Protein backbone atom coordinates (compact mmCIF):
# COMPACT_ATOMS: atom_id res chain seq x y z
CA MET A 1 21.86 6.44 -0.46
CA HIS A 2 23.67 4.14 -2.91
CA ILE A 3 21.66 1.33 -4.43
CA ALA A 4 23.80 -1.71 -5.18
CA ILE A 5 23.44 -2.76 -8.80
CA LYS A 6 24.34 -6.22 -10.02
CA HIS A 7 25.23 -6.08 -13.68
CA SER A 8 24.05 -9.16 -15.48
CA ALA A 9 24.76 -10.29 -19.00
CA ASP A 10 21.06 -11.20 -19.13
CA TYR A 11 19.91 -7.64 -18.37
CA LYS A 12 18.79 -5.88 -21.52
CA ALA A 13 18.34 -2.15 -21.08
CA SER A 14 15.71 -0.68 -23.39
CA MET A 15 17.76 2.44 -24.07
CA ILE A 16 15.76 4.96 -22.09
CA THR A 17 15.65 8.60 -23.13
CA GLY A 18 16.82 11.72 -21.34
CA ALA A 19 13.19 12.79 -21.02
CA GLN A 20 12.38 9.48 -19.29
CA ILE A 21 15.25 9.99 -16.84
CA ARG A 22 13.95 13.50 -15.99
CA ALA A 23 10.41 12.18 -15.59
CA ALA A 24 11.50 9.24 -13.43
CA ARG A 25 13.44 11.55 -11.11
CA ALA A 26 10.40 13.80 -10.83
CA LEU A 27 8.14 10.85 -9.97
CA LEU A 28 10.56 9.78 -7.24
CA GLY A 29 11.16 13.32 -6.01
CA TRP A 30 14.90 12.84 -6.56
CA THR A 31 17.44 15.49 -7.45
CA THR A 32 20.08 14.86 -10.09
CA GLN A 33 22.61 14.59 -7.27
CA ARG A 34 20.59 11.91 -5.51
CA LEU A 35 20.41 9.87 -8.73
CA ALA A 36 24.14 10.36 -9.25
CA ASP A 37 24.86 9.12 -5.73
CA ALA A 38 22.52 6.13 -6.06
CA SER A 39 23.70 5.05 -9.53
CA GLY A 40 27.40 5.84 -9.26
CA VAL A 41 27.13 7.94 -12.43
CA HIS A 42 28.79 11.37 -12.29
CA TYR A 43 26.47 14.37 -11.83
CA ALA A 44 27.74 16.09 -15.00
CA THR A 45 27.13 12.94 -17.05
CA LEU A 46 23.53 12.76 -15.82
CA SER A 47 22.97 16.45 -16.44
CA ARG A 48 24.12 16.08 -20.06
CA ALA A 49 21.99 12.95 -20.52
CA GLU A 50 18.87 14.70 -19.24
CA GLN A 51 19.28 17.53 -21.77
CA SER A 52 18.42 15.08 -24.54
CA ASP A 53 14.81 14.22 -25.28
CA GLY A 54 16.06 11.16 -27.19
CA ILE A 55 18.54 8.46 -26.23
CA PRO A 56 21.48 10.16 -24.48
CA ASN A 57 24.94 9.99 -26.02
CA MET A 58 26.60 7.86 -23.33
CA ARG A 59 27.98 4.37 -22.87
CA ALA A 60 25.28 1.70 -22.87
CA GLN A 61 26.56 0.31 -19.56
CA THR A 62 26.27 3.75 -17.94
CA LEU A 63 22.74 4.21 -19.25
CA ALA A 64 21.85 0.72 -18.00
CA SER A 65 23.15 1.65 -14.52
CA VAL A 66 20.88 4.69 -14.46
CA GLN A 67 17.91 2.66 -15.67
CA MET A 68 18.45 -0.16 -13.18
CA THR A 69 18.79 2.32 -10.31
CA LEU A 70 15.51 4.01 -11.22
CA GLU A 71 13.76 0.67 -11.70
CA LYS A 72 15.00 -0.57 -8.34
CA ALA A 73 13.56 2.61 -6.79
CA GLY A 74 10.13 1.82 -8.27
CA CYS A 75 10.02 3.22 -11.82
CA GLN A 76 8.81 1.25 -14.81
CA PHE A 77 9.85 2.36 -18.29
CA MET A 78 7.56 1.92 -21.28
CA ASP A 79 8.69 1.88 -24.89
CA GLY A 80 5.73 3.68 -26.40
CA THR A 81 3.51 0.79 -27.44
CA TYR A 82 1.61 0.83 -24.15
CA SER A 83 -1.34 2.89 -25.37
CA GLY A 84 -2.52 4.54 -28.51
CA GLU A 85 -0.10 6.88 -30.22
CA GLY A 86 1.94 7.61 -27.08
CA GLY A 87 5.70 7.67 -27.07
CA PRO A 88 8.18 6.41 -24.49
CA GLY A 89 7.07 6.90 -20.91
CA VAL A 90 7.65 6.10 -17.27
CA ARG A 91 5.40 5.33 -14.32
CA LEU A 92 5.69 4.20 -10.73
CA ARG A 93 4.99 0.56 -9.98
């Protein structure tokens, strides 16, 4: 299943982390391959990104594509200020 993504100059990705990508996939029950197919990002690129707990070393546009795909599927990314001393997170809407 490929989710069509409209890139907009107004869209501001919050630079999600590799850990958030892993967690979002787990919440959705998606494999890395399913995310690759849906986002149009190569499997190997996603695998490398998910190995990082911090912001993955990849093009911002590629990371935005991954984020928008996961958001369109129902994930909401949080920057860490959502509660107490917590760090970046993800939840289902």
